[in-house]
Amino acid sequence: MTPDALRSVALALPGTDEGFNMGSVVFKVNGKVLCRLLSDDVAMFTGVGFDEREMLMEARPDVFHITPHYRDYPGMLVNLGPLDPVECASFLEKRWRQIAPKQAANAFDAGKA
């Protein structure tokens, strides 16, 4: 997975905007953070619960990790290199559904049918 591939996946979700905040590229939906691109090889996925995060870090430490700075934040750091694009899309869509307006999610689902 590359930063450009992450950008493509994020911007494919309706209503996603790209910006720059706190020194990094940020993708937002409905004014809320979908994910951040922290560097060329690390992203922050938001909305990942603590239990899910622990399970993912144990199962795939090459991909998922956390630093003390983000320990109390419901999110997870992701190494982009070994991240599968389908897995990335799944994570981002899950978060998108948490923060997107209901009308956007319904229209998105209607377009998939």
PDB file of N, CA and C in Angstrom:
ATOM      1  N   MET A   1       0.855  -1.175   0.000  1.00  0.00           N
ATOM      2  CA  MET A   1       0.000   0.000   0.000  1.00  0.00           C
ATOM      3  C   MET A   1       0.900   1.237   0.000  1.00  0.00           C
ATOM      4  N   THR A   2       0.570   2.182  -0.802  1.00  0.00           N
ATOM      5  CA  THR A   2       1.323   3.426  -0.894  1.00  0.00           C
ATOM      6  C   THR A   2       0.451   4.580  -0.392  1.00  0.00           C
ATOM      7  N   PRO A   3       1.063   5.727  -0.113  1.00  0.00           N
ATOM      8  CA  PRO A   3       0.246   6.891   0.255  1.00  0.00           C
ATOM      9  C   PRO A   3      -0.781   7.252  -0.820  1.00  0.00           C
ATOM     10  N   ASP A   4      -0.401   7.137  -2.085  1.00  0.00           N
ATOM     11  CA  ASP A   4      -1.353   7.443  -3.157  1.00  0.00           C
ATOM     12  C   ASP A   4      -2.504   6.448  -3.186  1.00  0.00           C
ATOM     13  N   ALA A   5      -2.215   5.178  -2.899  1.00  0.00           N
ATOM     14  CA  ALA A   5      -3.279   4.166  -2.850  1.00  0.00           C
ATOM     15  C   ALA A   5      -4.216   4.449  -1.686  1.00  0.00           C
ATOM     16  N   LEU A   6      -3.668   4.829  -0.539  1.00  0.00           N
ATOM     17  CA  LEU A   6      -4.505   5.196   0.613  1.00  0.00           C
ATOM     18  C   LEU A   6      -5.385   6.389   0.257  1.00  0.00           C
ATOM     19  N   ARG A   7      -4.807   7.369  -0.381  1.00  0.00           N
ATOM     20  CA  ARG A   7      -5.554   8.563  -0.809  1.00  0.00           C
ATOM     21  C   ARG A   7      -6.714   8.150  -1.722  1.00  0.00           C
ATOM     22  N   SER A   8      -6.457   7.269  -2.666  1.00  0.00           N
ATOM     23  CA  SER A   8      -7.502   6.819  -3.596  1.00  0.00           C
ATOM     24  C   SER A   8      -8.637   6.110  -2.873  1.00  0.00           C
ATOM     25  N   VAL A   9      -8.278   5.243  -1.925  1.00  0.00           N
ATOM     26  CA  VAL A   9      -9.295   4.513  -1.160  1.00  0.00           C
ATOM     27  C   VAL A   9     -10.122   5.491  -0.334  1.00  0.00           C
ATOM     28  N   ALA A  10      -9.469   6.411   0.354  1.00  0.00           N
ATOM     29  CA  ALA A  10     -10.181   7.364   1.207  1.00  0.00           C
ATOM     30  C   ALA A  10     -11.095   8.264   0.381  1.00  0.00           C
ATOM     31  N   LEU A  11     -10.580   8.815  -0.707  1.00  0.00           N
ATOM     32  CA  LEU A  11     -11.366   9.764  -1.498  1.00  0.00           C
ATOM     33  C   LEU A  11     -12.472   9.097  -2.310  1.00  0.00           C
ATOM     34  N   ALA A  12     -12.444   7.764  -2.409  1.00  0.00           N
ATOM     35  CA  ALA A  12     -13.521   7.045  -3.089  1.00  0.00           C
ATOM     36  C   ALA A  12     -14.783   6.994  -2.235  1.00  0.00           C
ATOM     37  N   LEU A  13     -14.654   7.275  -0.955  1.00  0.00           N
ATOM     38  CA  LEU A  13     -15.812   7.284  -0.066  1.00  0.00           C
ATOM     39  C   LEU A  13     -16.498   8.649  -0.163  1.00  0.00           C
ATOM     40  N   PRO A  14     -17.798   8.668  -0.428  1.00  0.00           N
ATOM     41  CA  PRO A  14     -18.518   9.935  -0.651  1.00  0.00           C
ATOM     42  C   PRO A  14     -18.355  10.927   0.501  1.00  0.00           C
ATOM     43  N   GLY A  15     -18.147  12.171   0.122  1.00  0.00           N
ATOM     44  CA  GLY A  15     -18.065  13.242   1.104  1.00  0.00           C
ATOM     45  C   GLY A  15     -16.729  13.362   1.805  1.00  0.00           C
ATOM     46  N   THR A  16     -15.743  12.607   1.369  1.00  0.00           N
ATOM     47  CA  THR A  16     -14.419  12.664   1.995  1.00  0.00           C
ATOM     48  C   THR A  16     -13.639  13.837   1.415  1.00  0.00           C
ATOM     49  N   ASP A  17     -13.058  14.630   2.309  1.00  0.00           N
ATOM     50  CA  ASP A  17     -12.238  15.771   1.924  1.00  0.00           C
ATOM     51  C   ASP A  17     -10.811  15.552   2.392  1.00  0.00           C
ATOM     52  N   GLU A  18      -9.870  16.005   1.592  1.00  0.00           N
ATOM     53  CA  GLU A  18      -8.453  15.936   1.961  1.00  0.00           C
ATOM     54  C   GLU A  18      -7.999  17.319   2.400  1.00  0.00           C
ATOM     55  N   GLY A  19      -7.242  17.352   3.485  1.00  0.00           N
ATOM     56  CA  GLY A  19      -6.712  18.612   3.970  1.00  0.00           C
ATOM     57  C   GLY A  19      -5.371  18.390   4.642  1.00  0.00           C
ATOM     58  N   PHE A  20      -4.926  19.418   5.325  1.00  0.00           N
ATOM     59  CA  PHE A  20      -3.657  19.360   6.038  1.00  0.00           C
ATOM     60  C   PHE A  20      -3.890  19.957   7.413  1.00  0.00           C
ATOM     61  N   ASN A  21      -3.511  19.214   8.451  1.00  0.00           N
ATOM     62  CA  ASN A  21      -3.749  19.671   9.806  1.00  0.00           C
ATOM     63  C   ASN A  21      -2.720  19.034  10.727  1.00  0.00           C
ATOM     64  N   MET A  22      -2.218  19.815  11.654  1.00  0.00           N
ATOM     65  CA  MET A  22      -1.264  19.320  12.654  1.00  0.00           C
ATOM     66  C   MET A  22      -0.067  18.611  12.012  1.00  0.00           C
ATOM     67  N   GLY A  23       0.400  19.149  10.898  1.00  0.00           N
ATOM     68  CA  GLY A  23       1.599  18.638  10.261  1.00  0.00           C
ATOM     69  C   GLY A  23       1.417  17.406   9.398  1.00  0.00           C
ATOM     70  N   SER A  24       0.186  17.017   9.125  1.00  0.00           N
ATOM     71  CA  SER A  24      -0.011  15.822   8.298  1.00  0.00           C
ATOM     72  C   SER A  24      -1.244  15.970   7.410  1.00  0.00           C
ATOM     73  N   VAL A  25      -1.279  15.138   6.389  1.00  0.00           N
ATOM     74  CA  VAL A  25      -2.447  15.070   5.517  1.00  0.00           C
ATOM     75  C   VAL A  25      -3.550  14.386   6.306  1.00  0.00           C
ATOM     76  N   VAL A  26      -4.748  14.955   6.225  1.00  0.00           N
ATOM     77  CA  VAL A  26      -5.879  14.385   6.959  1.00  0.00           C
ATOM     78  C   VAL A  26      -7.057  14.239   6.000  1.00  0.00           C
ATOM     79  N   PHE A  27      -7.768  13.141   6.150  1.00  0.00           N
ATOM     80  CA  PHE A  27      -8.977  12.885   5.378  1.00  0.00           C
ATOM     81  C   PHE A  27     -10.146  12.949   6.361  1.00  0.00           C
ATOM     82  N   LYS A  28     -11.129  13.789   6.022  1.00  0.00           N
ATOM     83  CA  LYS A  28     -12.266  13.995   6.915  1.00  0.00           C
ATOM     84  C   LYS A  28     -13.578  13.742   6.177  1.00  0.00           C
ATOM     85  N   VAL A  29     -14.558  13.336   6.962  1.00  0.00           N
ATOM     86  CA  VAL A  29     -15.921  13.161   6.478  1.00  0.00           C
ATOM     87  C   VAL A  29     -16.832  13.821   7.494  1.00  0.00           C
ATOM     88  N   ASN A  30     -17.702  14.691   7.026  1.00  0.00           N
ATOM     89  CA  ASN A  30     -18.658  15.328   7.919  1.00  0.00           C
ATOM     90  C   ASN A  30     -17.945  16.065   9.069  1.00  0.00           C
ATOM     91  N   GLY A  31     -16.754  16.593   8.775  1.00  0.00           N
ATOM     92  CA  GLY A  31     -15.985  17.334   9.769  1.00  0.00           C
ATOM     93  C   GLY A  31     -15.222  16.469  10.758  1.00  0.00           C
ATOM     94  N   LYS A  32     -15.272  15.149  10.595  1.00  0.00           N
ATOM     95  CA  LYS A  32     -14.608  14.236  11.522  1.00  0.00           C
ATOM     96  C   LYS A  32     -13.499  13.475  10.804  1.00  0.00           C
ATOM     97  N   VAL A  33     -12.444  13.145  11.546  1.00  0.00           N
ATOM     98  CA  VAL A  33     -11.273  12.507  10.944  1.00  0.00           C
ATOM     99  C   VAL A  33     -11.568  11.054  10.574  1.00  0.00           C
ATOM    100  N   LEU A  34     -11.309  10.739   9.326  1.00  0.00           N
ATOM    101  CA  LEU A  34     -11.384   9.375   8.818  1.00  0.00           C
ATOM    102  C   LEU A  34     -10.028   8.693   9.039  1.00  0.00           C
ATOM    103  N   CYS A  35      -8.963   9.356   8.595  1.00  0.00           N
ATOM    104  CA  CYS A  35      -7.605   8.851   8.807  1.00  0.00           C
ATOM    105  C   CYS A  35      -6.613   9.979   8.542  1.00  0.00           C
ATOM    106  N   ARG A  36      -5.398   9.749   8.984  1.00  0.00           N
ATOM    107  CA  ARG A  36      -4.300  10.689   8.753  1.00  0.00           C
ATOM    108  C   ARG A  36      -3.162   9.953   8.072  1.00  0.00           C
ATOM    109  N   LEU A  37      -2.493  10.622   7.197  1.00  0.00           N
ATOM    110  CA  LEU A  37      -1.277  10.106   6.580  1.00  0.00           C
ATOM    111  C   LEU A  37      -0.121  10.793   7.288  1.00  0.00           C
ATOM    112  N   LEU A  38       0.513  10.079   8.214  1.00  0.00           N
ATOM    113  CA  LEU A  38       1.548  10.679   9.055  1.00  0.00           C
ATOM    114  C   LEU A  38       2.897  10.765   8.365  1.00  0.00           C
ATOM    115  N   SER A  39       3.172   9.821   7.467  1.00  0.00           N
ATOM    116  CA  SER A  39       4.426   9.819   6.699  1.00  0.00           C
ATOM    117  C   SER A  39       4.196   8.977   5.454  1.00  0.00           C
ATOM    118  N   ASP A  40       5.248   8.741   4.692  1.00  0.00           N
ATOM    119  CA  ASP A  40       5.102   7.927   3.491  1.00  0.00           C
ATOM    120  C   ASP A  40       4.785   6.470   3.789  1.00  0.00           C
ATOM    121  N   ASP A  41       5.015   6.042   5.021  1.00  0.00           N
ATOM    122  CA  ASP A  41       4.787   4.634   5.319  1.00  0.00           C
ATOM    123  C   ASP A  41       3.918   4.368   6.546  1.00  0.00           C
ATOM    124  N   VAL A  42       3.395   5.417   7.189  1.00  0.00           N
ATOM    125  CA  VAL A  42       2.564   5.228   8.379  1.00  0.00           C
ATOM    126  C   VAL A  42       1.320   6.107   8.304  1.00  0.00           C
ATOM    127  N   ALA A  43       0.186   5.493   8.625  1.00  0.00           N
ATOM    128  CA  ALA A  43      -1.082   6.217   8.704  1.00  0.00           C
ATOM    129  C   ALA A  43      -1.690   5.986  10.078  1.00  0.00           C
ATOM    130  N   MET A  44      -2.607   6.853  10.443  1.00  0.00           N
ATOM    131  CA  MET A  44      -3.391   6.698  11.670  1.00  0.00           C
ATOM    132  C   MET A  44      -4.835   6.474  11.244  1.00  0.00           C
ATOM    133  N   PHE A  45      -5.382   5.314  11.600  1.00  0.00           N
ATOM    134  CA  PHE A  45      -6.788   5.037  11.362  1.00  0.00           C
ATOM    135  C   PHE A  45      -7.537   5.372  12.642  1.00  0.00           C
ATOM    136  N   THR A  46      -8.560   6.184  12.550  1.00  0.00           N
ATOM    137  CA  THR A  46      -9.323   6.586  13.724  1.00  0.00           C
ATOM    138  C   THR A  46     -10.530   5.665  13.906  1.00  0.00           C
ATOM    139  N   GLY A  47     -11.111   5.736  15.093  1.00  0.00           N
ATOM    140  CA  GLY A  47     -12.318   4.973  15.360  1.00  0.00           C
ATOM    141  C   GLY A  47     -12.100   3.492  15.595  1.00  0.00           C
ATOM    142  N   VAL A  48     -10.879   3.106  15.903  1.00  0.00           N
ATOM    143  CA  VAL A  48     -10.581   1.699  16.200  1.00  0.00           C
ATOM    144  C   VAL A  48     -10.642   1.533  17.713  1.00  0.00           C
ATOM    145  N   GLY A  49     -11.542   0.715  18.182  1.00  0.00           N
ATOM    146  CA  GLY A  49     -11.707   0.504  19.616  1.00  0.00           C
ATOM    147  C   GLY A  49     -10.499  -0.171  20.240  1.00  0.00           C
ATOM    148  N   PHE A  50     -10.367  -0.013  21.534  1.00  0.00           N
ATOM    149  CA  PHE A  50      -9.195  -0.525  22.249  1.00  0.00           C
ATOM    150  C   PHE A  50      -9.083  -2.050  22.161  1.00  0.00           C
ATOM    151  N   ASP A  51     -10.198  -2.754  22.286  1.00  0.00           N
ATOM    152  CA  ASP A  51     -10.148  -4.222  22.210  1.00  0.00           C
ATOM    153  C   ASP A  51      -9.752  -4.679  20.808  1.00  0.00           C
ATOM    154  N   GLU A  52     -10.347  -4.070  19.799  1.00  0.00           N
ATOM    155  CA  GLU A  52     -10.012  -4.424  18.423  1.00  0.00           C
ATOM    156  C   GLU A  52      -8.542  -4.112  18.144  1.00  0.00           C
ATOM    157  N   ARG A  53      -8.092  -2.985  18.634  1.00  0.00           N
ATOM    158  CA  ARG A  53      -6.695  -2.586  18.437  1.00  0.00           C
ATOM    159  C   ARG A  53      -5.736  -3.616  19.028  1.00  0.00           C
ATOM    160  N   GLU A  54      -6.003  -4.047  20.249  1.00  0.00           N
ATOM    161  CA  GLU A  54      -5.133  -5.046  20.892  1.00  0.00           C
ATOM    162  C   GLU A  54      -5.097  -6.339  20.086  1.00  0.00           C
ATOM    163  N   MET A  55      -6.257  -6.774  19.627  1.00  0.00           N
ATOM    164  CA  MET A  55      -6.326  -7.997  18.840  1.00  0.00           C
ATOM    165  C   MET A  55      -5.537  -7.867  17.539  1.00  0.00           C
ATOM    166  N   LEU A  56      -5.689  -6.738  16.869  1.00  0.00           N
ATOM    167  CA  LEU A  56      -4.981  -6.526  15.606  1.00  0.00           C
ATOM    168  C   LEU A  56      -3.469  -6.454  15.805  1.00  0.00           C
ATOM    169  N   MET A  57      -3.034  -5.777  16.858  1.00  0.00           N
ATOM    170  CA  MET A  57      -1.595  -5.675  17.113  1.00  0.00           C
ATOM    171  C   MET A  57      -0.993  -7.040  17.429  1.00  0.00           C
ATOM    172  N   GLU A  58      -1.741  -7.863  18.126  1.00  0.00           N
ATOM    173  CA  GLU A  58      -1.251  -9.200  18.441  1.00  0.00           C
ATOM    174  C   GLU A  58      -1.208 -10.078  17.193  1.00  0.00           C
ATOM    175  N   ALA A  59      -2.225  -9.976  16.367  1.00  0.00           N
ATOM    176  CA  ALA A  59      -2.318 -10.816  15.176  1.00  0.00           C
ATOM    177  C   ALA A  59      -1.376 -10.370  14.054  1.00  0.00           C
ATOM    178  N   ARG A  60      -1.179  -9.051  13.895  1.00  0.00           N
ATOM    179  CA  ARG A  60      -0.389  -8.519  12.776  1.00  0.00           C
ATOM    180  C   ARG A  60       0.519  -7.387  13.234  1.00  0.00           C
ATOM    181  N   PRO A  61       1.521  -7.688  14.071  1.00  0.00           N
ATOM    182  CA  PRO A  61       2.400  -6.618  14.568  1.00  0.00           C
ATOM    183  C   PRO A  61       3.228  -5.952  13.470  1.00  0.00           C
ATOM    184  N   ASP A  62       3.347  -6.588  12.309  1.00  0.00           N
ATOM    185  CA  ASP A  62       4.063  -5.980  11.188  1.00  0.00           C
ATOM    186  C   ASP A  62       3.264  -4.840  10.568  1.00  0.00           C
ATOM    187  N   VAL A  63       1.951  -4.844  10.783  1.00  0.00           N
ATOM    188  CA  VAL A  63       1.075  -3.838  10.176  1.00  0.00           C
ATOM    189  C   VAL A  63       0.562  -2.842  11.223  1.00  0.00           C
ATOM    190  N   PHE A  64       0.080  -3.347  12.350  1.00  0.00           N
ATOM    191  CA  PHE A  64      -0.615  -2.517  13.330  1.00  0.00           C
ATOM    192  C   PHE A  64       0.222  -2.302  14.580  1.00  0.00           C
ATOM    193  N   HIS A  65       0.287  -1.059  15.021  1.00  0.00           N
ATOM    194  CA  HIS A  65       1.017  -0.738  16.247  1.00  0.00           C
ATOM    195  C   HIS A  65       0.474   0.565  16.846  1.00  0.00           C
ATOM    196  N   ILE A  66       1.009   0.907  17.987  1.00  0.00           N
ATOM    197  CA  ILE A  66       0.597   2.128  18.674  1.00  0.00           C
ATOM    198  C   ILE A  66       1.826   2.689  19.386  1.00  0.00           C
ATOM    199  N   THR A  67       1.839   3.966  19.622  1.00  0.00           N
ATOM    200  CA  THR A  67       2.901   4.587  20.394  1.00  0.00           C
ATOM    201  C   THR A  67       2.278   5.153  21.671  1.00  0.00           C
ATOM    202  N   PRO A  68       3.088   5.457  22.673  1.00  0.00           N
ATOM    203  CA  PRO A  68       2.528   6.024  23.904  1.00  0.00           C
ATOM    204  C   PRO A  68       1.680   7.281  23.655  1.00  0.00           C
ATOM    205  N   HIS A  69       2.031   8.060  22.654  1.00  0.00           N
ATOM    206  CA  HIS A  69       1.286   9.283  22.343  1.00  0.00           C
ATOM    207  C   HIS A  69      -0.186   8.988  22.026  1.00  0.00           C
ATOM    208  N   TYR A  70      -0.442   7.869  21.347  1.00  0.00           N
ATOM    209  CA  TYR A  70      -1.795   7.518  20.914  1.00  0.00           C
ATOM    210  C   TYR A  70      -2.455   6.459  21.803  1.00  0.00           C
ATOM    211  N   ARG A  71      -1.818   6.073  22.881  1.00  0.00           N
ATOM    212  CA  ARG A  71      -2.298   4.980  23.730  1.00  0.00           C
ATOM    213  C   ARG A  71      -3.740   5.173  24.196  1.00  0.00           C
ATOM    214  N   ASP A  72      -4.127   6.376  24.563  1.00  0.00           N
ATOM    215  CA  ASP A  72      -5.468   6.630  25.089  1.00  0.00           C
ATOM    216  C   ASP A  72      -6.453   7.136  24.031  1.00  0.00           C
ATOM    217  N   TYR A  73      -6.062   7.062  22.781  1.00  0.00           N
ATOM    218  CA  TYR A  73      -6.887   7.553  21.680  1.00  0.00           C
ATOM    219  C   TYR A  73      -7.462   6.359  20.916  1.00  0.00           C
ATOM    220  N   PRO A  74      -8.746   6.371  20.577  1.00  0.00           N
ATOM    221  CA  PRO A  74      -9.334   5.242  19.846  1.00  0.00           C
ATOM    222  C   PRO A  74      -8.917   5.247  18.375  1.00  0.00           C
ATOM    223  N   GLY A  75      -7.719   4.815  18.150  1.00  0.00           N
ATOM    224  CA  GLY A  75      -7.174   4.735  16.812  1.00  0.00           C
ATOM    225  C   GLY A  75      -5.979   3.817  16.814  1.00  0.00           C
ATOM    226  N   MET A  76      -5.376   3.675  15.660  1.00  0.00           N
ATOM    227  CA  MET A  76      -4.261   2.760  15.532  1.00  0.00           C
ATOM    228  C   MET A  76      -3.326   3.223  14.432  1.00  0.00           C
ATOM    229  N   LEU A  77      -2.036   3.043  14.664  1.00  0.00           N
ATOM    230  CA  LEU A  77      -1.041   3.332  13.640  1.00  0.00           C
ATOM    231  C   LEU A  77      -0.933   2.121  12.723  1.00  0.00           C
ATOM    232  N   VAL A  78      -0.756   2.397  11.436  1.00  0.00           N
ATOM    233  CA  VAL A  78      -0.749   1.340  10.436  1.00  0.00           C
ATOM    234  C   VAL A  78       0.461   1.518   9.530  1.00  0.00           C
ATOM    235  N   ASN A  79       1.276   0.475   9.419  1.00  0.00           N
ATOM    236  CA  ASN A  79       2.384   0.461   8.462  1.00  0.00           C
ATOM    237  C   ASN A  79       1.778   0.188   7.086  1.00  0.00           C
ATOM    238  N   LEU A  80       1.907   1.124   6.182  1.00  0.00           N
ATOM    239  CA  LEU A  80       1.249   0.994   4.886  1.00  0.00           C
ATOM    240  C   LEU A  80       1.848  -0.098   4.011  1.00  0.00           C
ATOM    241  N   GLY A  81       3.144  -0.282   4.045  1.00  0.00           N
ATOM    242  CA  GLY A  81       3.793  -1.251   3.158  1.00  0.00           C
ATOM    243  C   GLY A  81       3.136  -2.618   3.128  1.00  0.00           C
ATOM    244  N   PRO A  82       2.979  -3.269   4.282  1.00  0.00           N
ATOM    245  CA  PRO A  82       2.381  -4.608   4.278  1.00  0.00           C
ATOM    246  C   PRO A  82       0.847  -4.623   4.331  1.00  0.00           C
ATOM    247  N   LEU A  83       0.221  -3.452   4.358  1.00  0.00           N
ATOM    248  CA  LEU A  83      -1.243  -3.396   4.444  1.00  0.00           C
ATOM    249  C   LEU A  83      -1.860  -3.754   3.099  1.00  0.00           C
ATOM    250  N   ASP A  84      -2.781  -4.689   3.120  1.00  0.00           N
ATOM    251  CA  ASP A  84      -3.502  -5.097   1.917  1.00  0.00           C
ATOM    252  C   ASP A  84      -4.529  -4.023   1.551  1.00  0.00           C
ATOM    253  N   PRO A  85      -4.634  -3.640   0.276  1.00  0.00           N
ATOM    254  CA  PRO A  85      -5.600  -2.603  -0.119  1.00  0.00           C
ATOM    255  C   PRO A  85      -7.052  -2.942   0.236  1.00  0.00           C
ATOM    256  N   VAL A  86      -7.420  -4.213   0.168  1.00  0.00           N
ATOM    257  CA  VAL A  86      -8.785  -4.612   0.518  1.00  0.00           C
ATOM    258  C   VAL A  86      -9.015  -4.417   2.016  1.00  0.00           C
ATOM    259  N   GLU A  87      -8.008  -4.754   2.810  1.00  0.00           N
ATOM    260  CA  GLU A  87      -8.078  -4.557   4.255  1.00  0.00           C
ATOM    261  C   GLU A  87      -8.186  -3.065   4.579  1.00  0.00           C
ATOM    262  N   CYS A  88      -7.421  -2.257   3.877  1.00  0.00           N
ATOM    263  CA  CYS A  88      -7.468  -0.815   4.063  1.00  0.00           C
ATOM    264  C   CYS A  88      -8.862  -0.284   3.751  1.00  0.00           C
ATOM    265  N   ALA A  89      -9.409  -0.694   2.634  1.00  0.00           N
ATOM    266  CA  ALA A  89     -10.743  -0.240   2.240  1.00  0.00           C
ATOM    267  C   ALA A  89     -11.785  -0.643   3.276  1.00  0.00           C
ATOM    268  N   SER A  90     -11.650  -1.827   3.824  1.00  0.00           N
ATOM    269  CA  SER A  90     -12.583  -2.298   4.838  1.00  0.00           C
ATOM    270  C   SER A  90     -12.528  -1.439   6.101  1.00  0.00           C
ATOM    271  N   PHE A  91     -11.327  -1.128   6.572  1.00  0.00           N
ATOM    272  CA  PHE A  91     -11.167  -0.280   7.751  1.00  0.00           C
ATOM    273  C   PHE A  91     -11.747   1.106   7.516  1.00  0.00           C
ATOM    274  N   LEU A  92     -11.406   1.694   6.376  1.00  0.00           N
ATOM    275  CA  LEU A  92     -11.865   3.054   6.112  1.00  0.00           C
ATOM    276  C   LEU A  92     -13.376   3.116   5.908  1.00  0.00           C
ATOM    277  N   GLU A  93     -13.940   2.117   5.251  1.00  0.00           N
ATOM    278  CA  GLU A  93     -15.394   2.119   5.071  1.00  0.00           C
ATOM    279  C   GLU A  93     -16.105   1.962   6.418  1.00  0.00           C
ATOM    280  N   LYS A  94     -15.567   1.123   7.276  1.00  0.00           N
ATOM    281  CA  LYS A  94     -16.166   0.944   8.604  1.00  0.00           C
ATOM    282  C   LYS A  94     -16.192   2.289   9.347  1.00  0.00           C
ATOM    283  N   ARG A  95     -15.071   3.005   9.358  1.00  0.00           N
ATOM    284  CA  ARG A  95     -15.019   4.303  10.025  1.00  0.00           C
ATOM    285  C   ARG A  95     -15.917   5.311   9.323  1.00  0.00           C
ATOM    286  N   TRP A  96     -15.906   5.282   7.993  1.00  0.00           N
ATOM    287  CA  TRP A  96     -16.746   6.190   7.216  1.00  0.00           C
ATOM    288  C   TRP A  96     -18.205   6.041   7.629  1.00  0.00           C
ATOM    289  N   ARG A  97     -18.656   4.817   7.803  1.00  0.00           N
ATOM    290  CA  ARG A  97     -20.046   4.559   8.201  1.00  0.00           C
ATOM    291  C   ARG A  97     -20.347   5.115   9.597  1.00  0.00           C
ATOM    292  N   GLN A  98     -19.337   5.201  10.454  1.00  0.00           N
ATOM    293  CA  GLN A  98     -19.525   5.754  11.789  1.00  0.00           C
ATOM    294  C   GLN A  98     -19.739   7.269  11.753  1.00  0.00           C
ATOM    295  N   ILE A  99     -19.137   7.943  10.778  1.00  0.00           N
ATOM    296  CA  ILE A  99     -19.121   9.403  10.788  1.00  0.00           C
ATOM    297  C   ILE A  99     -19.854  10.066   9.623  1.00  0.00           C
ATOM    298  N   ALA A 100     -20.187   9.311   8.590  1.00  0.00           N
ATOM    299  CA  ALA A 100     -20.880   9.888   7.427  1.00  0.00           C
ATOM    300  C   ALA A 100     -22.354  10.137   7.760  1.00  0.00           C
ATOM    301  N   PRO A 101     -22.939  11.134   7.132  1.00  0.00           N
ATOM    302  CA  PRO A 101     -24.381  11.324   7.300  1.00  0.00           C
ATOM    303  C   PRO A 101     -25.140  10.086   6.815  1.00  0.00           C
ATOM    304  N   LYS A 102     -26.237   9.772   7.469  1.00  0.00           N
ATOM    305  CA  LYS A 102     -27.039   8.585   7.116  1.00  0.00           C
ATOM    306  C   LYS A 102     -27.448   8.603   5.643  1.00  0.00           C
ATOM    307  N   GLN A 103     -27.814   9.773   5.137  1.00  0.00           N
ATOM    308  CA  GLN A 103     -28.230   9.870   3.740  1.00  0.00           C
ATOM    309  C   GLN A 103     -27.104   9.450   2.800  1.00  0.00           C
ATOM    310  N   ALA A 104     -25.876   9.822   3.128  1.00  0.00           N
ATOM    311  CA  ALA A 104     -24.729   9.449   2.288  1.00  0.00           C
ATOM    312  C   ALA A 104     -24.507   7.943   2.325  1.00  0.00           C
ATOM    313  N   ALA A 105     -24.630   7.353   3.509  1.00  0.00           N
ATOM    314  CA  ALA A 105     -24.450   5.895   3.627  1.00  0.00           C
ATOM    315  C   ALA A 105     -25.540   5.165   2.863  1.00  0.00           C
ATOM    316  N   ASN A 106     -26.777   5.640   2.947  1.00  0.00           N
ATOM    317  CA  ASN A 106     -27.869   5.006   2.211  1.00  0.00           C
ATOM    318  C   ASN A 106     -27.665   5.114   0.702  1.00  0.00           C
ATOM    319  N   ALA A 107     -27.227   6.272   0.236  1.00  0.00           N
ATOM    320  CA  ALA A 107     -26.978   6.457  -1.196  1.00  0.00           C
ATOM    321  C   ALA A 107     -25.810   5.591  -1.649  1.00  0.00           C
ATOM    322  N   PHE A 108     -24.783   5.475  -0.824  1.00  0.00           N
ATOM    323  CA  PHE A 108     -23.619   4.639  -1.129  1.00  0.00           C
ATOM    324  C   PHE A 108     -24.061   3.184  -1.270  1.00  0.00           C
ATOM    325  N   ASP A 109     -24.887   2.724  -0.306  1.00  0.00           N
ATOM    326  CA  ASP A 109     -25.370   1.344  -0.347  1.00  0.00           C
ATOM    327  C   ASP A 109     -26.266   1.098  -1.568  1.00  0.00           C
ATOM    328  N   ALA A 110     -27.081   2.070  -1.912  1.00  0.00           N
ATOM    329  CA  ALA A 110     -27.957   1.934  -3.076  1.00  0.00           C
ATOM    330  C   ALA A 110     -27.128   1.809  -4.361  1.00  0.00           C
ATOM    331  N   GLY A 111     -26.000   2.499  -4.405  1.00  0.00           N
ATOM    332  CA  GLY A 111     -25.130   2.435  -5.574  1.00  0.00           C
ATOM    333  C   GLY A 111     -24.409   1.111  -5.712  1.00  0.00           C
ATOM    334  N   LYS A 112     -24.274   0.371  -4.611  1.00  0.00           N
ATOM    335  CA  LYS A 112     -23.622  -0.937  -4.639  1.00  0.00           C
ATOM    336  C   LYS A 112     -24.534  -2.028  -5.124  1.00  0.00           C
ATOM    337  N   ALA A 113     -25.858  -1.785  -5.033  1.00  0.00           N
ATOM    338  CA  ALA A 113     -26.833  -2.836  -5.382  1.00  0.00           C
ATOM    339  C   ALA A 113     -26.911  -3.066  -6.868  1.00  0.00           C
TER     340      ALA A 113
END
